[in-house]
Amino acid sequence: MARALTAAAVTALAAAAMLVAPASGADGSAAKARSASVIVTDDLFIKDRLTVKAGTKVTWRWQGGFLPHNVTVKSGPKKFHSRTQTSGSFARVLSAPGVYRIECTIHAVNGMKMTIVVKR
């Protein structure tokens, strides 16, 4: 009797898990949002070139630096600009395919630039 109840409980739990499981992709992997990170430190974007798919959320995280920086699109399909800051983060979902040329407007002369290629 106990064995029958245990089997019934396992079956019920498995059925419940299927109801709350995340959606799966065609390859059976769990569907998840696309994301990428870039570290912002003194006069440097760590990852000066990045290639992502359209719809990817890119987050810039200020770490280990003391100087103020910003993230500014100088050319690209969509322009945006972060506030100038010394800590914290800034994020954007890049939906428009193309090449984004990004720089810190304060330190571009020092080479603080990066490129993001967004593919369909």
PDB file of N, CA and C in Angstrom:
ATOM      1  N   MET A   1       0.811  -1.187   0.000  1.00  0.00           N
ATOM      2  CA  MET A   1       0.000   0.000   0.000  1.00  0.00           C
ATOM      3  C   MET A   1       0.863   1.263   0.000  1.00  0.00           C
ATOM      4  N   ALA A   2       1.901   1.311   0.858  1.00  0.00           N
ATOM      5  CA  ALA A   2       2.783   2.475   0.939  1.00  0.00           C
ATOM      6  C   ALA A   2       3.509   2.689  -0.381  1.00  0.00           C
ATOM      7  N   ARG A   3       3.913   1.573  -1.020  1.00  0.00           N
ATOM      8  CA  ARG A   3       4.609   1.667  -2.293  1.00  0.00           C
ATOM      9  C   ARG A   3       3.695   2.259  -3.359  1.00  0.00           C
ATOM     10  N   ALA A   4       2.435   1.898  -3.382  1.00  0.00           N
ATOM     11  CA  ALA A   4       1.473   2.423  -4.340  1.00  0.00           C
ATOM     12  C   ALA A   4       1.256   3.922  -4.116  1.00  0.00           C
ATOM     13  N   LEU A   5       1.203   4.349  -2.851  1.00  0.00           N
ATOM     14  CA  LEU A   5       1.038   5.762  -2.548  1.00  0.00           C
ATOM     15  C   LEU A   5       2.271   6.558  -2.981  1.00  0.00           C
ATOM     16  N   THR A   6       3.460   6.011  -2.761  1.00  0.00           N
ATOM     17  CA  THR A   6       4.688   6.679  -3.154  1.00  0.00           C
ATOM     18  C   THR A   6       4.732   6.845  -4.664  1.00  0.00           C
ATOM     19  N   ALA A   7       4.387   5.807  -5.406  1.00  0.00           N
ATOM     20  CA  ALA A   7       4.374   5.886  -6.871  1.00  0.00           C
ATOM     21  C   ALA A   7       3.366   6.932  -7.340  1.00  0.00           C
ATOM     22  N   ALA A   8       2.189   6.975  -6.694  1.00  0.00           N
ATOM     23  CA  ALA A   8       1.165   7.957  -7.060  1.00  0.00           C
ATOM     24  C   ALA A   8       1.659   9.373  -6.748  1.00  0.00           C
ATOM     25  N   ALA A   9       2.356   9.543  -5.629  1.00  0.00           N
ATOM     26  CA  ALA A   9       2.869  10.855  -5.247  1.00  0.00           C
ATOM     27  C   ALA A   9       3.937  11.320  -6.234  1.00  0.00           C
ATOM     28  N   VAL A  10       4.827  10.424  -6.636  1.00  0.00           N
ATOM     29  CA  VAL A  10       5.873  10.766  -7.603  1.00  0.00           C
ATOM     30  C   VAL A  10       5.237  11.163  -8.932  1.00  0.00           C
ATOM     31  N   THR A  11       4.232  10.425  -9.371  1.00  0.00           N
ATOM     32  CA  THR A  11       3.544  10.742 -10.625  1.00  0.00           C
ATOM     33  C   THR A  11       2.875  12.110 -10.541  1.00  0.00           C
ATOM     34  N   ALA A  12       2.232  12.403  -9.421  1.00  0.00           N
ATOM     35  CA  ALA A  12       1.567  13.696  -9.241  1.00  0.00           C
ATOM     36  C   ALA A  12       2.579  14.840  -9.228  1.00  0.00           C
ATOM     37  N   LEU A  13       3.707  14.644  -8.567  1.00  0.00           N
ATOM     38  CA  LEU A  13       4.743  15.676  -8.533  1.00  0.00           C
ATOM     39  C   LEU A  13       5.328  15.919  -9.920  1.00  0.00           C
ATOM     40  N   ALA A  14       5.539  14.851 -10.674  1.00  0.00           N
ATOM     41  CA  ALA A  14       6.078  14.994 -12.029  1.00  0.00           C
ATOM     42  C   ALA A  14       5.098  15.754 -12.912  1.00  0.00           C
ATOM     43  N   ALA A  15       3.818  15.459 -12.785  1.00  0.00           N
ATOM     44  CA  ALA A  15       2.795  16.159 -13.570  1.00  0.00           C
ATOM     45  C   ALA A  15       2.748  17.635 -13.189  1.00  0.00           C
ATOM     46  N   ALA A  16       2.850  17.933 -11.910  1.00  0.00           N
ATOM     47  CA  ALA A  16       2.835  19.323 -11.450  1.00  0.00           C
ATOM     48  C   ALA A  16       4.071  20.063 -11.951  1.00  0.00           C
ATOM     49  N   ALA A  17       5.216  19.416 -11.945  1.00  0.00           N
ATOM     50  CA  ALA A  17       6.448  20.041 -12.422  1.00  0.00           C
ATOM     51  C   ALA A  17       6.343  20.406 -13.892  1.00  0.00           C
ATOM     52  N   MET A  18       5.682  19.578 -14.672  1.00  0.00           N
ATOM     53  CA  MET A  18       5.519  19.870 -16.092  1.00  0.00           C
ATOM     54  C   MET A  18       4.660  21.113 -16.290  1.00  0.00           C
ATOM     55  N   LEU A  19       3.724  21.370 -15.404  1.00  0.00           N
ATOM     56  CA  LEU A  19       2.860  22.538 -15.526  1.00  0.00           C
ATOM     57  C   LEU A  19       3.596  23.837 -15.237  1.00  0.00           C
ATOM     58  N   VAL A  20       4.616  23.794 -14.381  1.00  0.00           N
ATOM     59  CA  VAL A  20       5.328  25.017 -14.010  1.00  0.00           C
ATOM     60  C   VAL A  20       6.715  25.109 -14.626  1.00  0.00           C
ATOM     61  N   ALA A  21       7.113  24.159 -15.437  1.00  0.00           N
ATOM     62  CA  ALA A  21       8.444  24.162 -16.045  1.00  0.00           C
ATOM     63  C   ALA A  21       8.549  25.283 -17.070  1.00  0.00           C
ATOM     64  N   PRO A  22       9.748  25.882 -17.237  1.00  0.00           N
ATOM     65  CA  PRO A  22       9.914  26.937 -18.229  1.00  0.00           C
ATOM     66  C   PRO A  22       9.747  26.386 -19.641  1.00  0.00           C
ATOM     67  N   ALA A  23       9.413  27.273 -20.557  1.00  0.00           N
ATOM     68  CA  ALA A  23       9.271  26.872 -21.961  1.00  0.00           C
ATOM     69  C   ALA A  23      10.600  26.370 -22.477  1.00  0.00           C
ATOM     70  N   SER A  24      10.551  25.449 -23.419  1.00  0.00           N
ATOM     71  CA  SER A  24      11.774  24.899 -23.986  1.00  0.00           C
ATOM     72  C   SER A  24      11.927  25.322 -25.426  1.00  0.00           C
ATOM     73  N   GLY A  25      13.182  25.441 -25.849  1.00  0.00           N
ATOM     74  CA  GLY A  25      13.478  25.747 -27.238  1.00  0.00           C
ATOM     75  C   GLY A  25      13.378  24.492 -28.077  1.00  0.00           C
ATOM     76  N   ALA A  26      13.588  24.638 -29.383  1.00  0.00           N
ATOM     77  CA  ALA A  26      13.490  23.512 -30.307  1.00  0.00           C
ATOM     78  C   ALA A  26      14.518  22.430 -29.988  1.00  0.00           C
ATOM     79  N   ASP A  27      15.645  22.836 -29.392  1.00  0.00           N
ATOM     80  CA  ASP A  27      16.679  21.860 -29.063  1.00  0.00           C
ATOM     81  C   ASP A  27      16.490  21.253 -27.676  1.00  0.00           C
ATOM     82  N   GLY A  28      15.375  21.613 -27.007  1.00  0.00           N
ATOM     83  CA  GLY A  28      15.091  21.060 -25.691  1.00  0.00           C
ATOM     84  C   GLY A  28      15.665  21.874 -24.553  1.00  0.00           C
ATOM     85  N   SER A  29      16.434  22.914 -24.870  1.00  0.00           N
ATOM     86  CA  SER A  29      17.003  23.742 -23.801  1.00  0.00           C
ATOM     87  C   SER A  29      15.955  24.702 -23.268  1.00  0.00           C
ATOM     88  N   ALA A  30      16.101  25.080 -22.033  1.00  0.00           N
ATOM     89  CA  ALA A  30      15.150  26.019 -21.429  1.00  0.00           C
ATOM     90  C   ALA A  30      15.289  27.381 -22.098  1.00  0.00           C
ATOM     91  N   ALA A  31      14.159  28.005 -22.408  1.00  0.00           N
ATOM     92  CA  ALA A  31      14.175  29.337 -23.005  1.00  0.00           C
ATOM     93  C   ALA A  31      14.624  30.340 -21.946  1.00  0.00           C
ATOM     94  N   LYS A  32      15.496  31.275 -22.334  1.00  0.00           N
ATOM     95  CA  LYS A  32      15.930  32.297 -21.393  1.00  0.00           C
ATOM     96  C   LYS A  32      16.266  33.567 -22.164  1.00  0.00           C
ATOM     97  N   ALA A  33      16.188  34.666 -21.486  1.00  0.00           N
ATOM     98  CA  ALA A  33      16.495  35.950 -22.098  1.00  0.00           C
ATOM     99  C   ALA A  33      17.986  36.012 -22.404  1.00  0.00           C
ATOM    100  N   ARG A  34      18.321  36.655 -23.505  1.00  0.00           N
ATOM    101  CA  ARG A  34      19.727  36.825 -23.868  1.00  0.00           C
ATOM    102  C   ARG A  34      20.278  38.038 -23.144  1.00  0.00           C
ATOM    103  N   SER A  35      21.508  37.915 -22.658  1.00  0.00           N
ATOM    104  CA  SER A  35      22.134  39.039 -21.984  1.00  0.00           C
ATOM    105  C   SER A  35      23.641  38.991 -22.173  1.00  0.00           C
ATOM    106  N   ALA A  36      24.263  40.155 -22.029  1.00  0.00           N
ATOM    107  CA  ALA A  36      25.716  40.276 -22.111  1.00  0.00           C
ATOM    108  C   ALA A  36      26.138  41.377 -21.153  1.00  0.00           C
ATOM    109  N   SER A  37      27.361  41.285 -20.636  1.00  0.00           N
ATOM    110  CA  SER A  37      27.873  42.284 -19.692  1.00  0.00           C
ATOM    111  C   SER A  37      29.171  42.881 -20.195  1.00  0.00           C
ATOM    112  N   VAL A  38      29.362  44.149 -19.863  1.00  0.00           N
ATOM    113  CA  VAL A  38      30.605  44.865 -20.166  1.00  0.00           C
ATOM    114  C   VAL A  38      31.031  45.543 -18.872  1.00  0.00           C
ATOM    115  N   ILE A  39      32.287  45.387 -18.502  1.00  0.00           N
ATOM    116  CA  ILE A  39      32.822  46.051 -17.313  1.00  0.00           C
ATOM    117  C   ILE A  39      33.333  47.434 -17.715  1.00  0.00           C
ATOM    118  N   VAL A  40      32.991  48.433 -16.912  1.00  0.00           N
ATOM    119  CA  VAL A  40      33.477  49.801 -17.107  1.00  0.00           C
ATOM    120  C   VAL A  40      34.441  50.081 -15.962  1.00  0.00           C
ATOM    121  N   THR A  41      35.684  50.382 -16.302  1.00  0.00           N
ATOM    122  CA  THR A  41      36.675  50.728 -15.293  1.00  0.00           C
ATOM    123  C   THR A  41      37.452  51.928 -15.815  1.00  0.00           C
ATOM    124  N   ASP A  42      38.451  52.382 -15.083  1.00  0.00           N
ATOM    125  CA  ASP A  42      39.127  53.619 -15.485  1.00  0.00           C
ATOM    126  C   ASP A  42      39.696  53.545 -16.895  1.00  0.00           C
ATOM    127  N   ASP A  43      39.114  54.371 -17.762  1.00  0.00           N
ATOM    128  CA  ASP A  43      39.512  54.548 -19.164  1.00  0.00           C
ATOM    129  C   ASP A  43      39.454  53.280 -20.002  1.00  0.00           C
ATOM    130  N   LEU A  44      38.542  52.357 -19.650  1.00  0.00           N
ATOM    131  CA  LEU A  44      38.506  51.088 -20.363  1.00  0.00           C
ATOM    132  C   LEU A  44      37.134  50.433 -20.289  1.00  0.00           C
ATOM    133  N   PHE A  45      36.658  49.960 -21.441  1.00  0.00           N
ATOM    134  CA  PHE A  45      35.532  49.027 -21.477  1.00  0.00           C
ATOM    135  C   PHE A  45      36.163  47.651 -21.591  1.00  0.00           C
ATOM    136  N   ILE A  46      35.902  46.775 -20.627  1.00  0.00           N
ATOM    137  CA  ILE A  46      36.445  45.422 -20.727  1.00  0.00           C
ATOM    138  C   ILE A  46      35.452  44.622 -21.562  1.00  0.00           C
ATOM    139  N   LYS A  47      35.829  44.348 -22.755  1.00  0.00           N
ATOM    140  CA  LYS A  47      35.139  43.815 -23.930  1.00  0.00           C
ATOM    141  C   LYS A  47      34.991  45.006 -24.865  1.00  0.00           C
ATOM    142  N   ASP A  48      35.999  45.230 -25.662  1.00  0.00           N
ATOM    143  CA  ASP A  48      35.924  46.368 -26.579  1.00  0.00           C
ATOM    144  C   ASP A  48      35.200  46.021 -27.872  1.00  0.00           C
ATOM    145  N   ARG A  49      34.882  44.731 -28.059  1.00  0.00           N
ATOM    146  CA  ARG A  49      34.096  44.293 -29.212  1.00  0.00           C
ATOM    147  C   ARG A  49      33.186  43.169 -28.758  1.00  0.00           C
ATOM    148  N   LEU A  50      31.918  43.263 -29.151  1.00  0.00           N
ATOM    149  CA  LEU A  50      30.911  42.318 -28.713  1.00  0.00           C
ATOM    150  C   LEU A  50      29.967  42.062 -29.879  1.00  0.00           C
ATOM    151  N   THR A  51      29.586  40.815 -30.093  1.00  0.00           N
ATOM    152  CA  THR A  51      28.592  40.464 -31.110  1.00  0.00           C
ATOM    153  C   THR A  51      27.453  39.757 -30.394  1.00  0.00           C
ATOM    154  N   VAL A  52      26.213  40.265 -30.608  1.00  0.00           N
ATOM    155  CA  VAL A  52      25.040  39.719 -29.939  1.00  0.00           C
ATOM    156  C   VAL A  52      23.899  39.603 -30.945  1.00  0.00           C
ATOM    157  N   LYS A  53      22.863  38.862 -30.565  1.00  0.00           N
ATOM    158  CA  LYS A  53      21.648  38.771 -31.375  1.00  0.00           C
ATOM    159  C   LYS A  53      20.700  39.897 -30.994  1.00  0.00           C
ATOM    160  N   ALA A  54      19.878  40.322 -31.955  1.00  0.00           N
ATOM    161  CA  ALA A  54      18.875  41.348 -31.684  1.00  0.00           C
ATOM    162  C   ALA A  54      18.009  40.900 -30.510  1.00  0.00           C
ATOM    163  N   GLY A  55      17.687  41.826 -29.630  1.00  0.00           N
ATOM    164  CA  GLY A  55      16.888  41.516 -28.451  1.00  0.00           C
ATOM    165  C   GLY A  55      17.724  41.221 -27.216  1.00  0.00           C
ATOM    166  N   THR A  56      19.050  41.277 -27.343  1.00  0.00           N
ATOM    167  CA  THR A  56      19.934  41.014 -26.206  1.00  0.00           C
ATOM    168  C   THR A  56      20.009  42.231 -25.294  1.00  0.00           C
ATOM    169  N   LYS A  57      19.932  41.980 -23.993  1.00  0.00           N
ATOM    170  CA  LYS A  57      20.101  43.046 -23.005  1.00  0.00           C
ATOM    171  C   LYS A  57      21.585  43.137 -22.666  1.00  0.00           C
ATOM    172  N   VAL A  58      22.169  44.298 -22.919  1.00  0.00           N
ATOM    173  CA  VAL A  58      23.578  44.535 -22.593  1.00  0.00           C
ATOM    174  C   VAL A  58      23.622  45.416 -21.354  1.00  0.00           C
ATOM    175  N   THR A  59      24.388  44.972 -20.355  1.00  0.00           N
ATOM    176  CA  THR A  59      24.531  45.719 -19.109  1.00  0.00           C
ATOM    177  C   THR A  59      25.989  46.118 -18.932  1.00  0.00           C
ATOM    178  N   TRP A  60      26.206  47.411 -18.738  1.00  0.00           N
ATOM    179  CA  TRP A  60      27.530  47.941 -18.419  1.00  0.00           C
ATOM    180  C   TRP A  60      27.591  48.091 -16.909  1.00  0.00           C
ATOM    181  N   ARG A  61      28.641  47.542 -16.289  1.00  0.00           N
ATOM    182  CA  ARG A  61      28.797  47.583 -14.827  1.00  0.00           C
ATOM    183  C   ARG A  61      30.104  48.301 -14.470  1.00  0.00           C
ATOM    184  N   TRP A  62      29.976  49.355 -13.689  1.00  0.00           N
ATOM    185  CA  TRP A  62      31.136  50.115 -13.236  1.00  0.00           C
ATOM    186  C   TRP A  62      31.792  49.341 -12.099  1.00  0.00           C
ATOM    187  N   GLN A  63      33.096  49.010 -12.272  1.00  0.00           N
ATOM    188  CA  GLN A  63      33.801  48.233 -11.252  1.00  0.00           C
ATOM    189  C   GLN A  63      35.238  48.700 -11.112  1.00  0.00           C
ATOM    190  N   GLY A  64      35.660  48.889  -9.879  1.00  0.00           N
ATOM    191  CA  GLY A  64      37.067  49.088  -9.566  1.00  0.00           C
ATOM    192  C   GLY A  64      37.691  50.392 -10.018  1.00  0.00           C
ATOM    193  N   GLY A  65      36.923  51.308 -10.532  1.00  0.00           N
ATOM    194  CA  GLY A  65      37.510  52.567 -10.976  1.00  0.00           C
ATOM    195  C   GLY A  65      37.070  53.722 -10.094  1.00  0.00           C
ATOM    196  N   PHE A  66      37.764  54.837 -10.240  1.00  0.00           N
ATOM    197  CA  PHE A  66      37.443  56.023  -9.458  1.00  0.00           C
ATOM    198  C   PHE A  66      36.959  57.172 -10.336  1.00  0.00           C
ATOM    199  N   LEU A  67      37.263  57.105 -11.632  1.00  0.00           N
ATOM    200  CA  LEU A  67      36.900  58.186 -12.543  1.00  0.00           C
ATOM    201  C   LEU A  67      35.466  58.031 -13.045  1.00  0.00           C
ATOM    202  N   PRO A  68      34.795  59.143 -13.325  1.00  0.00           N
ATOM    203  CA  PRO A  68      33.432  59.065 -13.879  1.00  0.00           C
ATOM    204  C   PRO A  68      33.467  58.698 -15.364  1.00  0.00           C
ATOM    205  N   HIS A  69      32.491  57.891 -15.774  1.00  0.00           N
ATOM    206  CA  HIS A  69      32.388  57.458 -17.171  1.00  0.00           C
ATOM    207  C   HIS A  69      30.928  57.437 -17.603  1.00  0.00           C
ATOM    208  N   ASN A  70      30.725  57.410 -18.923  1.00  0.00           N
ATOM    209  CA  ASN A  70      29.388  57.233 -19.471  1.00  0.00           C
ATOM    210  C   ASN A  70      29.461  56.287 -20.655  1.00  0.00           C
ATOM    211  N   VAL A  71      28.310  55.869 -21.113  1.00  0.00           N
ATOM    212  CA  VAL A  71      28.183  54.977 -22.276  1.00  0.00           C
ATOM    213  C   VAL A  71      27.360  55.757 -23.296  1.00  0.00           C
ATOM    214  N   THR A  72      27.981  56.090 -24.428  1.00  0.00           N
ATOM    215  CA  THR A  72      27.323  56.915 -25.435  1.00  0.00           C
ATOM    216  C   THR A  72      27.484  56.292 -26.817  1.00  0.00           C
ATOM    217  N   VAL A  73      26.372  56.097 -27.519  1.00  0.00           N
ATOM    218  CA  VAL A  73      26.427  55.607 -28.903  1.00  0.00           C
ATOM    219  C   VAL A  73      26.745  56.805 -29.792  1.00  0.00           C
ATOM    220  N   LYS A  74      27.896  56.769 -30.462  1.00  0.00           N
ATOM    221  CA  LYS A  74      28.287  57.846 -31.377  1.00  0.00           C
ATOM    222  C   LYS A  74      27.726  57.595 -32.772  1.00  0.00           C
ATOM    223  N   SER A  75      27.599  56.316 -33.152  1.00  0.00           N
ATOM    224  CA  SER A  75      26.955  55.982 -34.425  1.00  0.00           C
ATOM    225  C   SER A  75      26.357  54.592 -34.294  1.00  0.00           C
ATOM    226  N   GLY A  76      25.229  54.412 -34.962  1.00  0.00           N
ATOM    227  CA  GLY A  76      24.550  53.126 -34.902  1.00  0.00           C
ATOM    228  C   GLY A  76      23.080  53.276 -35.224  1.00  0.00           C
ATOM    229  N   PRO A  77      22.377  52.148 -35.299  1.00  0.00           N
ATOM    230  CA  PRO A  77      20.961  52.175 -35.664  1.00  0.00           C
ATOM    231  C   PRO A  77      20.088  52.922 -34.665  1.00  0.00           C
ATOM    232  N   LYS A  78      20.427  52.876 -33.395  1.00  0.00           N
ATOM    233  CA  LYS A  78      19.697  53.580 -32.329  1.00  0.00           C
ATOM    234  C   LYS A  78      20.730  54.223 -31.417  1.00  0.00           C
ATOM    235  N   LYS A  79      20.533  55.484 -31.102  1.00  0.00           N
ATOM    236  CA  LYS A  79      21.460  56.163 -30.199  1.00  0.00           C
ATOM    237  C   LYS A  79      20.896  56.181 -28.786  1.00  0.00           C
ATOM    238  N   PHE A  80      21.797  56.082 -27.814  1.00  0.00           N
ATOM    239  CA  PHE A  80      21.429  56.217 -26.407  1.00  0.00           C
ATOM    240  C   PHE A  80      22.645  56.728 -25.648  1.00  0.00           C
ATOM    241  N   HIS A  81      22.399  57.160 -24.420  1.00  0.00           N
ATOM    242  CA  HIS A  81      23.452  57.758 -23.609  1.00  0.00           C
ATOM    243  C   HIS A  81      23.129  57.503 -22.136  1.00  0.00           C
ATOM    244  N   SER A  82      24.102  57.003 -21.405  1.00  0.00           N
ATOM    245  CA  SER A  82      23.905  56.831 -19.965  1.00  0.00           C
ATOM    246  C   SER A  82      24.263  58.134 -19.260  1.00  0.00           C
ATOM    247  N   ARG A  83      23.902  58.203 -18.001  1.00  0.00           N
ATOM    248  CA  ARG A  83      24.377  59.334 -17.205  1.00  0.00           C
ATOM    249  C   ARG A  83      25.854  59.078 -16.886  1.00  0.00           C
ATOM    250  N   THR A  84      26.570  60.113 -16.538  1.00  0.00           N
ATOM    251  CA  THR A  84      27.963  59.962 -16.128  1.00  0.00           C
ATOM    252  C   THR A  84      27.961  59.505 -14.673  1.00  0.00           C
ATOM    253  N   GLN A  85      28.700  58.426 -14.399  1.00  0.00           N
ATOM    254  CA  GLN A  85      28.683  57.846 -13.055  1.00  0.00           C
ATOM    255  C   GLN A  85      30.014  57.182 -12.738  1.00  0.00           C
ATOM    256  N   THR A  86      30.216  56.887 -11.444  1.00  0.00           N
ATOM    257  CA  THR A  86      31.444  56.212 -10.994  1.00  0.00           C
ATOM    258  C   THR A  86      31.164  54.810 -10.472  1.00  0.00           C
ATOM    259  N   SER A  87      29.879  54.469 -10.311  1.00  0.00           N
ATOM    260  CA  SER A  87      29.519  53.132  -9.833  1.00  0.00           C
ATOM    261  C   SER A  87      28.122  52.805 -10.339  1.00  0.00           C
ATOM    262  N   GLY A  88      27.720  51.555 -10.128  1.00  0.00           N
ATOM    263  CA  GLY A  88      26.388  51.143 -10.545  1.00  0.00           C
ATOM    264  C   GLY A  88      26.403  50.445 -11.887  1.00  0.00           C
ATOM    265  N   SER A  89      25.273  50.544 -12.593  1.00  0.00           N
ATOM    266  CA  SER A  89      25.163  49.881 -13.890  1.00  0.00           C
ATOM    267  C   SER A  89      24.211  50.658 -14.794  1.00  0.00           C
ATOM    268  N   PHE A  90      24.242  50.299 -16.064  1.00  0.00           N
ATOM    269  CA  PHE A  90      23.383  50.879 -17.088  1.00  0.00           C
ATOM    270  C   PHE A  90      23.075  49.760 -18.074  1.00  0.00           C
ATOM    271  N   ALA A  91      21.822  49.621 -18.478  1.00  0.00           N
ATOM    272  CA  ALA A  91      21.446  48.515 -19.369  1.00  0.00           C
ATOM    273  C   ALA A  91      20.563  49.011 -20.501  1.00  0.00           C
ATOM    274  N   ARG A  92      20.688  48.347 -21.645  1.00  0.00           N
ATOM    275  CA  ARG A  92      19.843  48.605 -22.804  1.00  0.00           C
ATOM    276  C   ARG A  92      19.599  47.290 -23.533  1.00  0.00           C
ATOM    277  N   VAL A  93      18.376  47.121 -24.025  1.00  0.00           N
ATOM    278  CA  VAL A  93      18.067  45.998 -24.910  1.00  0.00           C
ATOM    279  C   VAL A  93      18.323  46.488 -26.323  1.00  0.00           C
ATOM    280  N   LEU A  94      19.213  45.789 -27.033  1.00  0.00           N
ATOM    281  CA  LEU A  94      19.571  46.188 -28.393  1.00  0.00           C
ATOM    282  C   LEU A  94      18.720  45.388 -29.377  1.00  0.00           C
ATOM    283  N   SER A  95      17.699  46.040 -29.915  1.00  0.00           N
ATOM    284  CA  SER A  95      16.742  45.377 -30.797  1.00  0.00           C
ATOM    285  C   SER A  95      17.030  45.603 -32.276  1.00  0.00           C
ATOM    286  N   ALA A  96      17.631  46.731 -32.601  1.00  0.00           N
ATOM    287  CA  ALA A  96      17.886  47.073 -34.002  1.00  0.00           C
ATOM    288  C   ALA A  96      19.223  46.497 -34.457  1.00  0.00           C
ATOM    289  N   PRO A  97      19.225  45.636 -35.474  1.00  0.00           N
ATOM    290  CA  PRO A  97      20.480  45.093 -35.987  1.00  0.00           C
ATOM    291  C   PRO A  97      21.374  46.190 -36.569  1.00  0.00           C
ATOM    292  N   GLY A  98      22.671  45.979 -36.478  1.00  0.00           N
ATOM    293  CA  GLY A  98      23.636  46.923 -37.026  1.00  0.00           C
ATOM    294  C   GLY A  98      24.864  47.026 -36.151  1.00  0.00           C
ATOM    295  N   VAL A  99      25.690  48.015 -36.458  1.00  0.00           N
ATOM    296  CA  VAL A  99      26.947  48.228 -35.731  1.00  0.00           C
ATOM    297  C   VAL A  99      26.802  49.477 -34.866  1.00  0.00           C
ATOM    298  N   TYR A 100      27.030  49.314 -33.569  1.00  0.00           N
ATOM    299  CA  TYR A 100      26.969  50.403 -32.603  1.00  0.00           C
ATOM    300  C   TYR A 100      28.402  50.775 -32.220  1.00  0.00           C
ATOM    301  N   ARG A 101      28.780  52.018 -32.453  1.00  0.00           N
ATOM    302  CA  ARG A 101      30.087  52.525 -32.035  1.00  0.00           C
ATOM    303  C   ARG A 101      29.845  53.317 -30.751  1.00  0.00           C
ATOM    304  N   ILE A 102      30.452  52.839 -29.674  1.00  0.00           N
ATOM    305  CA  ILE A 102      30.177  53.363 -28.341  1.00  0.00           C
ATOM    306  C   ILE A 102      31.464  53.913 -27.735  1.00  0.00           C
ATOM    307  N   GLU A 103      31.317  54.990 -26.970  1.00  0.00           N
ATOM    308  CA  GLU A 103      32.474  55.537 -26.277  1.00  0.00           C
ATOM    309  C   GLU A 103      32.043  56.217 -24.986  1.00  0.00           C
ATOM    310  N   CYS A 104      33.015  56.443 -24.128  1.00  0.00           N
ATOM    311  CA  CYS A 104      32.839  57.326 -22.981  1.00  0.00           C
ATOM    312  C   CYS A 104      33.229  58.704 -23.509  1.00  0.00           C
ATOM    313  N   THR A 105      32.300  59.654 -23.510  1.00  0.00           N
ATOM    314  CA  THR A 105      32.588  60.959 -24.103  1.00  0.00           C
ATOM    315  C   THR A 105      33.679  61.717 -23.348  1.00  0.00           C
ATOM    316  N   ILE A 106      33.904  61.363 -22.088  1.00  0.00           N
ATOM    317  CA  ILE A 106      34.945  62.023 -21.294  1.00  0.00           C
ATOM    318  C   ILE A 106      36.331  61.495 -21.656  1.00  0.00           C
ATOM    319  N   HIS A 107      36.414  60.186 -21.960  1.00  0.00           N
ATOM    320  CA  HIS A 107      37.720  59.544 -22.156  1.00  0.00           C
ATOM    321  C   HIS A 107      37.925  58.919 -23.532  1.00  0.00           C
ATOM    322  N   ALA A 108      37.132  59.326 -24.508  1.00  0.00           N
ATOM    323  CA  ALA A 108      37.297  58.782 -25.862  1.00  0.00           C
ATOM    324  C   ALA A 108      38.687  59.087 -26.415  1.00  0.00           C
ATOM    325  N   VAL A 109      39.212  60.257 -26.073  1.00  0.00           N
ATOM    326  CA  VAL A 109      40.548  60.634 -26.529  1.00  0.00           C
ATOM    327  C   VAL A 109      41.606  59.657 -26.004  1.00  0.00           C
ATOM    328  N   ASN A 110      41.318  58.998 -24.880  1.00  0.00           N
ATOM    329  CA  ASN A 110      42.229  57.996 -24.303  1.00  0.00           C
ATOM    330  C   ASN A 110      41.980  56.609 -24.869  1.00  0.00           C
ATOM    331  N   GLY A 111      41.018  56.499 -25.802  1.00  0.00           N
ATOM    332  CA  GLY A 111      40.737  55.208 -26.426  1.00  0.00           C
ATOM    333  C   GLY A 111      39.628  54.420 -25.759  1.00  0.00           C
ATOM    334  N   MET A 112      38.836  55.067 -24.910  1.00  0.00           N
ATOM    335  CA  MET A 112      37.745  54.354 -24.226  1.00  0.00           C
ATOM    336  C   MET A 112      36.561  54.245 -25.182  1.00  0.00           C
ATOM    337  N   LYS A 113      36.656  53.239 -26.063  1.00  0.00           N
ATOM    338  CA  LYS A 113      35.666  53.009 -27.114  1.00  0.00           C
ATOM    339  C   LYS A 113      35.396  51.516 -27.227  1.00  0.00           C
ATOM    340  N   MET A 114      34.238  51.188 -27.773  1.00  0.00           N
ATOM    341  CA  MET A 114      33.916  49.791 -28.029  1.00  0.00           C
ATOM    342  C   MET A 114      32.958  49.713 -29.206  1.00  0.00           C
ATOM    343  N   THR A 115      32.814  48.511 -29.755  1.00  0.00           N
ATOM    344  CA  THR A 115      31.893  48.255 -30.860  1.00  0.00           C
ATOM    345  C   THR A 115      31.007  47.075 -30.491  1.00  0.00           C
ATOM    346  N   ILE A 116      29.709  47.226 -30.746  1.00  0.00           N
ATOM    347  CA  ILE A 116      28.778  46.111 -30.581  1.00  0.00           C
ATOM    348  C   ILE A 116      28.115  45.864 -31.923  1.00  0.00           C
ATOM    349  N   VAL A 117      28.196  44.625 -32.395  1.00  0.00           N
ATOM    350  CA  VAL A 117      27.532  44.212 -33.628  1.00  0.00           C
ATOM    351  C   VAL A 117      26.290  43.435 -33.206  1.00  0.00           C
ATOM    352  N   VAL A 118      25.124  43.911 -33.659  1.00  0.00           N
ATOM    353  CA  VAL A 118      23.853  43.250 -33.347  1.00  0.00           C
ATOM    354  C   VAL A 118      23.372  42.570 -34.620  1.00  0.00           C
ATOM    355  N   LYS A 119      23.219  41.246 -34.537  1.00  0.00           N
ATOM    356  CA  LYS A 119      22.771  40.455 -35.684  1.00  0.00           C
ATOM    357  C   LYS A 119      21.314  40.059 -35.510  1.00  0.00           C
ATOM    358  N   ARG A 120      20.655  39.777 -36.623  1.00  0.00           N
ATOM    359  CA  ARG A 120      19.250  39.334 -36.569  1.00  0.00           C
ATOM    360  C   ARG A 120      19.120  38.016 -35.878  1.00  0.00           C
TER     361      ARG A 120
END
